[in-house]
Amino acid sequence: MVAAGRGELALVRLLVGEFGADDGLVAGDGQLALRLAADAGQREVVEYLPVRRGGAWRRWRVHHAVAVRRVKRAGVKLYWFGKVLVWYVPKFVLWDCPRHGVVDPLVRGCKYCWANKHKFGGWCKRQAKELPGRVKKAGKAVWKCAKKVPKGVWRVVKEIPGAVKKLVKWLWKAITKIPAAMKKLCMWIWESLKRVGKAVGHVFLRVVAVLHTAVAAVLDYFRNIKLKDVWNGICEVTEAIFRGLPRVAWKVISSLGIVVAGIIIGIFGFAGKLIVSFFQVLWHIAMYAPRQLGVIISGIWTSIAKGYHEIMVWINPKH
């Protein structure tokens, strides 16, 4: 099996022809020597080994088990994310905070007041006696503050020119950084146009290749080119349109976020870093659920694709 998977044709011939190695043995995960060679693209070994069927169910089950584990992990993460977002956060805001911050202290205060209601008469009498002294102290404090107001106002007035000067300097620095930010934006536009152009060109070349293959197949009466070649070309076109273009579009959008973040940080400095960090946190929270859904869909799709592949292998063991 190792020799077949590595494409060691001479060693495979030696083991099978001279030493009588059984190439039909099925491993615990369902692998055959023929399947290992075919999956590794070792066509010479595949042509040498005889046709063998077997182990398809084991191979699919092993692959499916891996996909199920991925789907299960993603499902658990998605469940807890939804539970925190839908249950724990609203419960904390609408129930825990009002209860522990308002209701419970109010209830404890009412209980305390009711338990010590006999002390209220003396407390009110004491407060009435101390009220004139407290009013006198409050008046003195207000007078002291009133005397300090002119000095404070004058101090603030003197600081205004310096504050205005600092503000002007900060605005000037921000303005001087705008050309560099515009340069980054123009570079992003140029790089994005190049990426989109390459993706569209790739789709165009795939379409031309399919048309060429189809026309050549018709002209040669399918003697040299098989319908499988046409089908593979159509698959490549479909992949380029529905996988290549969206991937390029996603890269362009992602790069736009990086460019905008760089522009904000370049203009506003540390404040820009705080703004960018805040939006990055929001972005990760917003994209968490779609990522886990993507993992689930990918796991299900790979399991289905593996089943289809095993069906095709059973039809043509050297596929």
C-alpha atoms as a PDB file:
ATOM      1  CA  MET A   1       0.000   0.000   0.000  1.00  0.00           C
ATOM      2  CA  VAL A   2       2.809   2.427   0.860  1.00  0.00           C
ATOM      3  CA  ALA A   3       4.648   1.608  -2.356  1.00  0.00           C
ATOM      4  CA  ALA A   4       1.468   2.036  -4.412  1.00  0.00           C
ATOM      5  CA  GLY A   5       0.644   5.351  -2.758  1.00  0.00           C
ATOM      6  CA  ARG A   6       4.166   6.652  -3.448  1.00  0.00           C
ATOM      7  CA  GLY A   7       4.160   5.490  -7.059  1.00  0.00           C
ATOM      8  CA  GLU A   8       7.040   3.014  -6.654  1.00  0.00           C
ATOM      9  CA  LEU A   9       6.090   0.863  -9.648  1.00  0.00           C
ATOM     10  CA  ALA A  10       9.214  -1.322  -9.541  1.00  0.00           C
ATOM     11  CA  LEU A  11       8.693  -2.106  -5.877  1.00  0.00           C
ATOM     12  CA  VAL A  12       4.996  -2.830  -6.436  1.00  0.00           C
ATOM     13  CA  ARG A  13       5.899  -5.285  -9.239  1.00  0.00           C
ATOM     14  CA  LEU A  14       8.502  -6.922  -7.026  1.00  0.00           C
ATOM     15  CA  LEU A  15       6.123  -7.328  -4.088  1.00  0.00           C
ATOM     16  CA  VAL A  16       3.202  -8.583  -6.159  1.00  0.00           C
ATOM     17  CA  GLY A  17       5.032 -10.597  -8.815  1.00  0.00           C
ATOM     18  CA  GLU A  18       7.946 -12.082  -6.859  1.00  0.00           C
ATOM     19  CA  PHE A  19       6.703 -12.214  -3.276  1.00  0.00           C
ATOM     20  CA  GLY A  20       2.991 -12.734  -3.911  1.00  0.00           C
ATOM     21  CA  ALA A  21       1.760  -9.693  -1.952  1.00  0.00           C
ATOM     22  CA  ASP A  22      -2.037  -9.529  -1.852  1.00  0.00           C
ATOM     23  CA  ASP A  23      -3.077  -6.216  -3.412  1.00  0.00           C
ATOM     24  CA  GLY A  24      -6.702  -6.909  -2.519  1.00  0.00           C
ATOM     25  CA  LEU A  25      -6.251  -6.460   1.243  1.00  0.00           C
ATOM     26  CA  VAL A  26      -8.564  -3.837   2.723  1.00  0.00           C
ATOM     27  CA  ALA A  27      -7.209  -1.660   5.524  1.00  0.00           C
ATOM     28  CA  GLY A  28      -9.185  -0.712   8.602  1.00  0.00           C
ATOM     29  CA  ASP A  29     -10.144   2.605   7.027  1.00  0.00           C
ATOM     30  CA  GLY A  30     -11.231   0.858   3.808  1.00  0.00           C
ATOM     31  CA  GLN A  31      -8.176   1.761   1.742  1.00  0.00           C
ATOM     32  CA  LEU A  32      -6.860  -0.486  -1.026  1.00  0.00           C
ATOM     33  CA  ALA A  33      -3.509  -0.310  -2.737  1.00  0.00           C
ATOM     34  CA  LEU A  34      -5.342   0.563  -5.956  1.00  0.00           C
ATOM     35  CA  ARG A  35      -7.273   3.394  -4.284  1.00  0.00           C
ATOM     36  CA  LEU A  36      -4.149   4.839  -2.660  1.00  0.00           C
ATOM     37  CA  ALA A  37      -2.390   4.911  -6.019  1.00  0.00           C
ATOM     38  CA  ALA A  38      -5.419   6.409  -7.804  1.00  0.00           C
ATOM     39  CA  ASP A  39      -5.949   9.108  -5.158  1.00  0.00           C
ATOM     40  CA  ALA A  40      -2.251  10.018  -5.363  1.00  0.00           C
ATOM     41  CA  GLY A  41      -2.414  10.250  -9.169  1.00  0.00           C
ATOM     42  CA  GLN A  42       0.057   7.389  -9.733  1.00  0.00           C
ATOM     43  CA  ARG A  43      -1.318   6.301 -13.106  1.00  0.00           C
ATOM     44  CA  GLU A  44       1.406   3.740 -13.903  1.00  0.00           C
ATOM     45  CA  VAL A  45       0.723   1.850 -10.668  1.00  0.00           C
ATOM     46  CA  VAL A  46      -3.028   2.081 -11.309  1.00  0.00           C
ATOM     47  CA  GLU A  47      -2.610   0.571 -14.780  1.00  0.00           C
ATOM     48  CA  TYR A  48      -0.438  -2.247 -13.389  1.00  0.00           C
ATOM     49  CA  LEU A  49      -2.684  -3.284 -10.494  1.00  0.00           C
ATOM     50  CA  PRO A  50      -5.769  -5.389 -11.253  1.00  0.00           C
ATOM     51  CA  VAL A  51      -9.306  -4.121 -10.784  1.00  0.00           C
ATOM     52  CA  ARG A  52     -10.370  -4.351  -7.134  1.00  0.00           C
ATOM     53  CA  ARG A  53     -13.627  -3.388  -5.510  1.00  0.00           C
ATOM     54  CA  GLY A  54     -14.125  -3.213  -1.786  1.00  0.00           C
ATOM     55  CA  GLY A  55     -13.799  -1.001   1.242  1.00  0.00           C
ATOM     56  CA  ALA A  56     -16.055   1.717  -0.194  1.00  0.00           C
ATOM     57  CA  TRP A  57     -18.372   1.744   2.802  1.00  0.00           C
ATOM     58  CA  ARG A  58     -15.435   1.907   5.245  1.00  0.00           C
ATOM     59  CA  ARG A  59     -13.776   4.715   3.314  1.00  0.00           C
ATOM     60  CA  TRP A  60     -16.960   6.733   3.229  1.00  0.00           C
ATOM     61  CA  ARG A  61     -17.686   6.008   6.903  1.00  0.00           C
ATOM     62  CA  VAL A  62     -14.220   7.214   7.992  1.00  0.00           C
ATOM     63  CA  HIS A  63     -14.542  10.349   5.888  1.00  0.00           C
ATOM     64  CA  HIS A  64     -18.110  10.879   7.102  1.00  0.00           C
ATOM     65  CA  ALA A  65     -17.031  10.514  10.735  1.00  0.00           C
ATOM     66  CA  VAL A  66     -14.510  13.337  10.295  1.00  0.00           C
ATOM     67  CA  ALA A  67     -17.148  15.517   8.631  1.00  0.00           C
ATOM     68  CA  VAL A  68     -19.642  14.714  11.402  1.00  0.00           C
ATOM     69  CA  ARG A  69     -17.137  15.760  14.073  1.00  0.00           C
ATOM     70  CA  ARG A  70     -16.569  19.073  12.285  1.00  0.00           C
ATOM     71  CA  VAL A  71     -20.305  19.634  11.886  1.00  0.00           C
ATOM     72  CA  LYS A  72     -20.917  18.719  15.520  1.00  0.00           C
ATOM     73  CA  ARG A  73     -18.244  21.105  16.816  1.00  0.00           C
ATOM     74  CA  ALA A  74     -19.581  23.903  14.632  1.00  0.00           C
ATOM     75  CA  GLY A  75     -23.148  23.124  15.719  1.00  0.00           C
ATOM     76  CA  VAL A  76     -22.205  23.256  19.416  1.00  0.00           C
ATOM     77  CA  LYS A  77     -20.399  26.585  18.915  1.00  0.00           C
ATOM     78  CA  LEU A  78     -23.367  27.960  16.981  1.00  0.00           C
ATOM     79  CA  TYR A  79     -25.762  26.759  19.697  1.00  0.00           C
ATOM     80  CA  TRP A  80     -23.833  28.457  22.493  1.00  0.00           C
ATOM     81  CA  PHE A  81     -23.354  31.610  20.426  1.00  0.00           C
ATOM     82  CA  GLY A  82     -27.098  31.810  19.799  1.00  0.00           C
ATOM     83  CA  LYS A  83     -27.908  31.014  23.434  1.00  0.00           C
ATOM     84  CA  VAL A  84     -25.581  33.737  24.721  1.00  0.00           C
ATOM     85  CA  LEU A  85     -26.873  36.242  22.174  1.00  0.00           C
ATOM     86  CA  VAL A  86     -30.585  35.414  22.507  1.00  0.00           C
ATOM     87  CA  TRP A  87     -30.855  34.305  26.138  1.00  0.00           C
ATOM     88  CA  TYR A  88     -27.971  35.299  28.441  1.00  0.00           C
ATOM     89  CA  VAL A  89     -27.390  38.840  27.155  1.00  0.00           C
ATOM     90  CA  PRO A  90     -31.105  39.869  27.236  1.00  0.00           C
ATOM     91  CA  LYS A  91     -31.485  38.132  30.621  1.00  0.00           C
ATOM     92  CA  PHE A  92     -28.508  40.040  32.025  1.00  0.00           C
ATOM     93  CA  VAL A  93     -29.747  43.386  30.680  1.00  0.00           C
ATOM     94  CA  LEU A  94     -33.475  43.014  31.333  1.00  0.00           C
ATOM     95  CA  TRP A  95     -33.496  40.806  34.451  1.00  0.00           C
ATOM     96  CA  ASP A  96     -30.204  40.495  36.348  1.00  0.00           C
ATOM     97  CA  CYS A  97     -29.197  44.173  36.251  1.00  0.00           C
ATOM     98  CA  PRO A  98     -32.628  45.552  37.351  1.00  0.00           C
ATOM     99  CA  ARG A  99     -33.007  42.836  39.966  1.00  0.00           C
ATOM    100  CA  HIS A 100     -29.582  43.077  41.617  1.00  0.00           C
ATOM    101  CA  GLY A 101     -29.126  46.787  40.987  1.00  0.00           C
ATOM    102  CA  VAL A 102     -32.589  48.155  41.849  1.00  0.00           C
ATOM    103  CA  VAL A 103     -35.149  45.643  43.117  1.00  0.00           C
ATOM    104  CA  ASP A 104     -33.043  43.733  45.677  1.00  0.00           C
ATOM    105  CA  PRO A 105     -31.487  46.883  47.251  1.00  0.00           C
ATOM    106  CA  LEU A 106     -34.946  48.507  47.403  1.00  0.00           C
ATOM    107  CA  VAL A 107     -36.453  45.426  49.058  1.00  0.00           C
ATOM    108  CA  ARG A 108     -33.597  45.229  51.575  1.00  0.00           C
ATOM    109  CA  GLY A 109     -34.008  48.931  52.341  1.00  0.00           C
ATOM    110  CA  CYS A 110     -37.737  48.565  52.900  1.00  0.00           C
ATOM    111  CA  LYS A 111     -37.181  45.566  55.198  1.00  0.00           C
ATOM    112  CA  TYR A 112     -34.555  47.446  57.162  1.00  0.00           C
ATOM    113  CA  CYS A 113     -36.831  50.481  57.527  1.00  0.00           C
ATOM    114  CA  TRP A 114     -39.712  48.306  58.703  1.00  0.00           C
ATOM    115  CA  ALA A 115     -37.530  46.433  61.188  1.00  0.00           C
ATOM    116  CA  ASN A 116     -36.168  49.728  62.632  1.00  0.00           C
ATOM    117  CA  LYS A 117     -39.346  51.798  62.433  1.00  0.00           C
ATOM    118  CA  HIS A 118     -39.210  52.484  66.205  1.00  0.00           C
ATOM    119  CA  LYS A 119     -35.953  54.404  65.736  1.00  0.00           C
ATOM    120  CA  PHE A 120     -37.326  56.887  63.194  1.00  0.00           C
ATOM    121  CA  GLY A 121     -38.654  59.334  65.804  1.00  0.00           C
ATOM    122  CA  GLY A 122     -35.272  59.846  67.444  1.00  0.00           C
ATOM    123  CA  TRP A 123     -33.523  59.967  64.062  1.00  0.00           C
ATOM    124  CA  CYS A 124     -35.888  62.708  62.805  1.00  0.00           C
ATOM    125  CA  LYS A 125     -35.370  64.720  66.028  1.00  0.00           C
ATOM    126  CA  ARG A 126     -31.595  64.454  65.693  1.00  0.00           C
ATOM    127  CA  GLN A 127     -31.700  65.508  62.048  1.00  0.00           C
ATOM    128  CA  ALA A 128     -33.844  68.545  62.925  1.00  0.00           C
ATOM    129  CA  LYS A 129     -31.315  69.657  65.560  1.00  0.00           C
ATOM    130  CA  GLU A 130     -28.360  69.255  63.220  1.00  0.00           C
ATOM    131  CA  LEU A 131     -30.057  70.916  60.231  1.00  0.00           C
ATOM    132  CA  PRO A 132     -29.079  74.551  61.054  1.00  0.00           C
ATOM    133  CA  GLY A 133     -25.410  73.619  61.410  1.00  0.00           C
ATOM    134  CA  ARG A 134     -25.456  71.721  58.164  1.00  0.00           C
ATOM    135  CA  VAL A 135     -27.126  74.630  56.370  1.00  0.00           C
ATOM    136  CA  LYS A 136     -24.458  76.963  57.756  1.00  0.00           C
ATOM    137  CA  LYS A 137     -21.648  74.665  56.553  1.00  0.00           C
ATOM    138  CA  ALA A 138     -23.277  74.339  53.137  1.00  0.00           C
ATOM    139  CA  GLY A 139     -23.560  78.136  52.864  1.00  0.00           C
ATOM    140  CA  LYS A 140     -19.883  78.586  53.714  1.00  0.00           C
ATOM    141  CA  ALA A 141     -18.921  75.977  51.104  1.00  0.00           C
ATOM    142  CA  VAL A 142     -21.073  77.690  48.476  1.00  0.00           C
ATOM    143  CA  TRP A 143     -19.477  81.056  49.289  1.00  0.00           C
ATOM    144  CA  LYS A 144     -15.971  79.630  48.973  1.00  0.00           C
ATOM    145  CA  CYS A 145     -16.862  78.136  45.594  1.00  0.00           C
ATOM    146  CA  ALA A 146     -18.422  81.421  44.467  1.00  0.00           C
ATOM    147  CA  LYS A 147     -15.238  83.296  45.350  1.00  0.00           C
ATOM    148  CA  LYS A 148     -13.198  80.808  43.321  1.00  0.00           C
ATOM    149  CA  VAL A 149     -15.427  81.073  40.228  1.00  0.00           C
ATOM    150  CA  PRO A 150     -13.851  84.282  38.791  1.00  0.00           C
ATOM    151  CA  LYS A 151     -10.350  82.866  39.167  1.00  0.00           C
ATOM    152  CA  GLY A 152     -11.441  79.627  37.533  1.00  0.00           C
ATOM    153  CA  VAL A 153     -13.112  81.430  34.667  1.00  0.00           C
ATOM    154  CA  TRP A 154     -10.009  83.573  34.122  1.00  0.00           C
ATOM    155  CA  ARG A 155      -7.822  80.436  34.151  1.00  0.00           C
ATOM    156  CA  VAL A 156     -10.054  78.796  31.547  1.00  0.00           C
ATOM    157  CA  VAL A 157     -10.004  81.950  29.411  1.00  0.00           C
ATOM    158  CA  LYS A 158      -6.212  81.997  29.511  1.00  0.00           C
ATOM    159  CA  GLU A 159      -6.088  78.320  28.466  1.00  0.00           C
ATOM    160  CA  ILE A 160      -8.367  78.835  25.444  1.00  0.00           C
ATOM    161  CA  PRO A 161      -5.641  80.149  23.067  1.00  0.00           C
ATOM    162  CA  GLY A 162      -3.388  77.192  23.875  1.00  0.00           C
ATOM    163  CA  ALA A 163      -6.251  74.724  23.399  1.00  0.00           C
ATOM    164  CA  VAL A 164      -7.185  76.351  20.096  1.00  0.00           C
ATOM    165  CA  LYS A 165      -3.544  76.210  19.020  1.00  0.00           C
ATOM    166  CA  LYS A 166      -3.338  72.497  19.876  1.00  0.00           C
ATOM    167  CA  LEU A 167      -6.598  71.837  18.020  1.00  0.00           C
ATOM    168  CA  VAL A 168      -5.302  73.672  14.939  1.00  0.00           C
ATOM    169  CA  LYS A 169      -2.056  71.671  15.055  1.00  0.00           C
ATOM    170  CA  TRP A 170      -3.993  68.417  15.341  1.00  0.00           C
ATOM    171  CA  LEU A 171      -6.241  69.376  12.422  1.00  0.00           C
ATOM    172  CA  TRP A 172      -3.211  70.370  10.353  1.00  0.00           C
ATOM    173  CA  LYS A 173      -1.542  66.999  11.024  1.00  0.00           C
ATOM    174  CA  ALA A 174      -4.753  65.230  10.016  1.00  0.00           C
ATOM    175  CA  ILE A 175      -4.970  67.293   6.809  1.00  0.00           C
ATOM    176  CA  THR A 176      -1.336  66.600   5.912  1.00  0.00           C
ATOM    177  CA  LYS A 177      -2.003  62.848   6.266  1.00  0.00           C
ATOM    178  CA  ILE A 178      -4.933  62.901   3.838  1.00  0.00           C
ATOM    179  CA  PRO A 179      -2.740  62.636   0.670  1.00  0.00           C
ATOM    180  CA  ALA A 180      -1.095  59.462   1.979  1.00  0.00           C
ATOM    181  CA  ALA A 181      -4.540  58.049   2.805  1.00  0.00           C
ATOM    182  CA  MET A 182      -5.785  58.901  -0.687  1.00  0.00           C
ATOM    183  CA  LYS A 183      -2.714  57.184  -2.124  1.00  0.00           C
ATOM    184  CA  LYS A 184      -3.590  54.010  -0.206  1.00  0.00           C
ATOM    185  CA  LEU A 185      -7.164  54.233  -1.457  1.00  0.00           C
ATOM    186  CA  CYS A 186      -6.026  54.674  -5.073  1.00  0.00           C
ATOM    187  CA  MET A 187      -3.639  51.714  -4.736  1.00  0.00           C
ATOM    188  CA  TRP A 188      -6.494  49.597  -3.392  1.00  0.00           C
ATOM    189  CA  ILE A 189      -8.709  50.597  -6.334  1.00  0.00           C
ATOM    190  CA  TRP A 190      -5.913  49.691  -8.765  1.00  0.00           C
ATOM    191  CA  GLU A 191      -5.181  46.333  -7.121  1.00  0.00           C
ATOM    192  CA  SER A 192      -8.903  45.528  -6.949  1.00  0.00           C
ATOM    193  CA  LEU A 193      -9.357  46.297 -10.635  1.00  0.00           C
ATOM    194  CA  LYS A 194      -6.404  44.046 -11.477  1.00  0.00           C
ATOM    195  CA  ARG A 195      -7.826  41.185  -9.384  1.00  0.00           C
ATOM    196  CA  VAL A 196     -11.282  41.501 -10.905  1.00  0.00           C
ATOM    197  CA  GLY A 197      -9.767  41.730 -14.386  1.00  0.00           C
ATOM    198  CA  LYS A 198      -7.729  38.569 -13.826  1.00  0.00           C
ATOM    199  CA  ALA A 199     -10.801  36.717 -12.532  1.00  0.00           C
ATOM    200  CA  VAL A 200     -12.945  37.796 -15.504  1.00  0.00           C
ATOM    201  CA  GLY A 201     -10.108  36.916 -17.883  1.00  0.00           C
ATOM    202  CA  HIS A 202      -9.810  33.482 -16.271  1.00  0.00           C
ATOM    203  CA  VAL A 203     -13.537  32.885 -16.807  1.00  0.00           C
ATOM    204  CA  PHE A 204     -13.230  34.017 -20.439  1.00  0.00           C
ATOM    205  CA  LEU A 205     -10.272  31.675 -21.052  1.00  0.00           C
ATOM    206  CA  ARG A 206     -12.174  28.759 -19.476  1.00  0.00           C
ATOM    207  CA  VAL A 207     -15.173  29.434 -21.734  1.00  0.00           C
ATOM    208  CA  VAL A 208     -12.931  29.604 -24.808  1.00  0.00           C
ATOM    209  CA  ALA A 209     -11.226  26.371 -23.781  1.00  0.00           C
ATOM    210  CA  VAL A 210     -14.581  24.597 -23.418  1.00  0.00           C
ATOM    211  CA  LEU A 211     -15.764  25.845 -26.788  1.00  0.00           C
ATOM    212  CA  HIS A 212     -12.480  24.767 -28.380  1.00  0.00           C
ATOM    213  CA  THR A 213     -12.745  21.315 -26.818  1.00  0.00           C
ATOM    214  CA  ALA A 214     -16.353  20.915 -27.926  1.00  0.00           C
ATOM    215  CA  VAL A 215     -15.626  22.033 -31.501  1.00  0.00           C
ATOM    216  CA  ALA A 216     -12.548  19.799 -31.689  1.00  0.00           C
ATOM    217  CA  ALA A 217     -14.608  16.881 -30.429  1.00  0.00           C
ATOM    218  CA  VAL A 218     -17.217  17.455 -33.130  1.00  0.00           C
ATOM    219  CA  LEU A 219     -14.626  17.895 -35.915  1.00  0.00           C
ATOM    220  CA  ASP A 220     -12.706  14.786 -34.884  1.00  0.00           C
ATOM    221  CA  TYR A 221     -15.915  12.780 -34.465  1.00  0.00           C
ATOM    222  CA  PHE A 222     -14.969  12.210 -30.847  1.00  0.00           C
ATOM    223  CA  ARG A 223     -12.012  10.062 -31.831  1.00  0.00           C
ATOM    224  CA  ASN A 224      -9.311  11.965 -29.948  1.00  0.00           C
ATOM    225  CA  ILE A 225     -11.333  14.004 -27.482  1.00  0.00           C
ATOM    226  CA  LYS A 226     -13.868  12.442 -25.184  1.00  0.00           C
ATOM    227  CA  LEU A 227     -17.079  13.879 -23.863  1.00  0.00           C
ATOM    228  CA  LYS A 228     -15.464  13.662 -20.435  1.00  0.00           C
ATOM    229  CA  ASP A 229     -13.020  16.383 -21.539  1.00  0.00           C
ATOM    230  CA  VAL A 230     -15.940  18.632 -22.461  1.00  0.00           C
ATOM    231  CA  TRP A 231     -17.604  17.901 -19.141  1.00  0.00           C
ATOM    232  CA  ASN A 232     -14.409  18.675 -17.223  1.00  0.00           C
ATOM    233  CA  GLY A 233     -14.163  21.980 -19.085  1.00  0.00           C
ATOM    234  CA  ILE A 234     -17.752  22.863 -18.187  1.00  0.00           C
ATOM    235  CA  CYS A 235     -16.962  22.058 -14.550  1.00  0.00           C
ATOM    236  CA  GLU A 236     -13.943  24.373 -14.694  1.00  0.00           C
ATOM    237  CA  VAL A 237     -16.076  27.191 -16.126  1.00  0.00           C
ATOM    238  CA  THR A 238     -18.695  26.676 -13.423  1.00  0.00           C
ATOM    239  CA  GLU A 239     -16.028  26.674 -10.735  1.00  0.00           C
ATOM    240  CA  ALA A 240     -14.456  29.842 -12.130  1.00  0.00           C
ATOM    241  CA  ILE A 241     -17.819  31.648 -12.188  1.00  0.00           C
ATOM    242  CA  PHE A 242     -19.381  30.472  -8.931  1.00  0.00           C
ATOM    243  CA  ARG A 243     -16.212  29.989  -6.881  1.00  0.00           C
ATOM    244  CA  GLY A 244     -13.418  32.048  -8.406  1.00  0.00           C
ATOM    245  CA  LEU A 245     -15.331  35.307  -8.896  1.00  0.00           C
ATOM    246  CA  PRO A 246     -16.971  35.303  -5.418  1.00  0.00           C
ATOM    247  CA  ARG A 247     -13.582  34.556  -3.871  1.00  0.00           C
ATOM    248  CA  VAL A 248     -12.024  37.514  -5.689  1.00  0.00           C
ATOM    249  CA  ALA A 249     -14.960  39.733  -4.690  1.00  0.00           C
ATOM    250  CA  TRP A 250     -14.533  38.691  -1.058  1.00  0.00           C
ATOM    251  CA  LYS A 251     -10.806  39.458  -1.203  1.00  0.00           C
ATOM    252  CA  VAL A 252     -11.572  42.887  -2.652  1.00  0.00           C
ATOM    253  CA  ILE A 253     -14.079  43.628   0.133  1.00  0.00           C
ATOM    254  CA  SER A 254     -11.656  42.373   2.800  1.00  0.00           C
ATOM    255  CA  SER A 255      -8.824  44.459   1.393  1.00  0.00           C
ATOM    256  CA  LEU A 256     -11.157  47.497   1.418  1.00  0.00           C
ATOM    257  CA  GLY A 257     -11.630  47.037   5.152  1.00  0.00           C
ATOM    258  CA  ILE A 258      -7.859  46.855   5.664  1.00  0.00           C
ATOM    259  CA  VAL A 259      -7.327  49.992   3.557  1.00  0.00           C
ATOM    260  CA  VAL A 260     -10.049  51.948   5.381  1.00  0.00           C
ATOM    261  CA  ALA A 261      -8.612  50.863   8.742  1.00  0.00           C
ATOM    262  CA  GLY A 262      -5.147  52.021   7.647  1.00  0.00           C
ATOM    263  CA  ILE A 263      -6.573  55.375   6.512  1.00  0.00           C
ATOM    264  CA  ILE A 264      -8.407  55.922   9.820  1.00  0.00           C
ATOM    265  CA  ILE A 265      -5.336  54.979  11.871  1.00  0.00           C
ATOM    266  CA  GLY A 266      -3.089  57.150   9.693  1.00  0.00           C
ATOM    267  CA  ILE A 267      -5.319  60.228  10.120  1.00  0.00           C
ATOM    268  CA  PHE A 268      -6.528  59.918  13.725  1.00  0.00           C
ATOM    269  CA  GLY A 269      -3.649  57.982  15.319  1.00  0.00           C
ATOM    270  CA  PHE A 270      -4.449  56.279  18.629  1.00  0.00           C
ATOM    271  CA  ALA A 271      -8.112  57.330  18.465  1.00  0.00           C
ATOM    272  CA  GLY A 272      -8.274  55.708  15.024  1.00  0.00           C
ATOM    273  CA  LYS A 273      -6.854  52.474  16.491  1.00  0.00           C
ATOM    274  CA  LEU A 274      -9.618  52.462  19.105  1.00  0.00           C
ATOM    275  CA  ILE A 275     -12.277  53.027  16.432  1.00  0.00           C
ATOM    276  CA  VAL A 276     -10.852  50.283  14.204  1.00  0.00           C
ATOM    277  CA  SER A 277     -10.593  47.844  17.127  1.00  0.00           C
ATOM    278  CA  PHE A 278     -14.216  48.499  18.062  1.00  0.00           C
ATOM    279  CA  PHE A 279     -15.450  47.792  14.540  1.00  0.00           C
ATOM    280  CA  GLN A 280     -13.207  44.718  14.269  1.00  0.00           C
ATOM    281  CA  VAL A 281     -14.852  43.257  17.376  1.00  0.00           C
ATOM    282  CA  LEU A 282     -18.298  43.965  15.919  1.00  0.00           C
ATOM    283  CA  TRP A 283     -17.232  42.380  12.615  1.00  0.00           C
ATOM    284  CA  HIS A 284     -15.982  39.183  14.277  1.00  0.00           C
ATOM    285  CA  ILE A 285     -19.217  38.888  16.274  1.00  0.00           C
ATOM    286  CA  ALA A 286     -21.323  39.439  13.154  1.00  0.00           C
ATOM    287  CA  MET A 287     -19.319  36.883  11.114  1.00  0.00           C
ATOM    288  CA  TYR A 288     -19.098  34.171  13.795  1.00  0.00           C
ATOM    289  CA  ALA A 289     -22.459  32.560  13.028  1.00  0.00           C
ATOM    290  CA  PRO A 290     -21.972  32.620   9.189  1.00  0.00           C
ATOM    291  CA  ARG A 291     -18.539  31.001   9.618  1.00  0.00           C
ATOM    292  CA  GLN A 292     -19.961  28.153  11.680  1.00  0.00           C
ATOM    293  CA  LEU A 293     -22.815  27.708   9.200  1.00  0.00           C
ATOM    294  CA  GLY A 294     -20.211  27.554   6.434  1.00  0.00           C
ATOM    295  CA  VAL A 295     -18.359  24.803   8.328  1.00  0.00           C
ATOM    296  CA  ILE A 296     -21.609  22.840   8.716  1.00  0.00           C
ATOM    297  CA  ILE A 297     -22.542  23.198   5.036  1.00  0.00           C
ATOM    298  CA  SER A 298     -18.995  22.317   3.980  1.00  0.00           C
ATOM    299  CA  GLY A 299     -19.006  19.180   6.157  1.00  0.00           C
ATOM    300  CA  ILE A 300     -22.339  18.009   4.750  1.00  0.00           C
ATOM    301  CA  TRP A 301     -21.246  18.728   1.185  1.00  0.00           C
ATOM    302  CA  THR A 302     -17.898  16.897   1.535  1.00  0.00           C
ATOM    303  CA  SER A 303     -19.699  13.849   2.923  1.00  0.00           C
ATOM    304  CA  ILE A 304     -22.125  13.835  -0.039  1.00  0.00           C
ATOM    305  CA  ALA A 305     -19.251  14.372  -2.499  1.00  0.00           C
ATOM    306  CA  LYS A 306     -17.316  11.486  -0.952  1.00  0.00           C
ATOM    307  CA  GLY A 307     -20.352   9.215  -1.333  1.00  0.00           C
ATOM    308  CA  TYR A 308     -20.683  10.200  -4.995  1.00  0.00           C
ATOM    309  CA  HIS A 309     -16.952   9.583  -5.488  1.00  0.00           C
ATOM    310  CA  GLU A 310     -17.218   6.099  -3.997  1.00  0.00           C
ATOM    311  CA  ILE A 311     -20.154   5.306  -6.291  1.00  0.00           C
ATOM    312  CA  MET A 312     -18.044   6.337  -9.290  1.00  0.00           C
ATOM    313  CA  VAL A 313     -15.141   4.244  -7.954  1.00  0.00           C
ATOM    314  CA  TRP A 314     -17.403   1.197  -7.655  1.00  0.00           C
ATOM    315  CA  ILE A 315     -18.471   1.703 -11.310  1.00  0.00           C
ATOM    316  CA  ASN A 316     -14.859   2.232 -12.425  1.00  0.00           C
ATOM    317  CA  PRO A 317     -12.368   0.976  -9.803  1.00  0.00           C
ATOM    318  CA  LYS A 318      -9.487   2.682 -11.605  1.00  0.00           C
ATOM    319  CA  HIS A 319     -11.271   6.063 -11.531  1.00  0.00           C
END
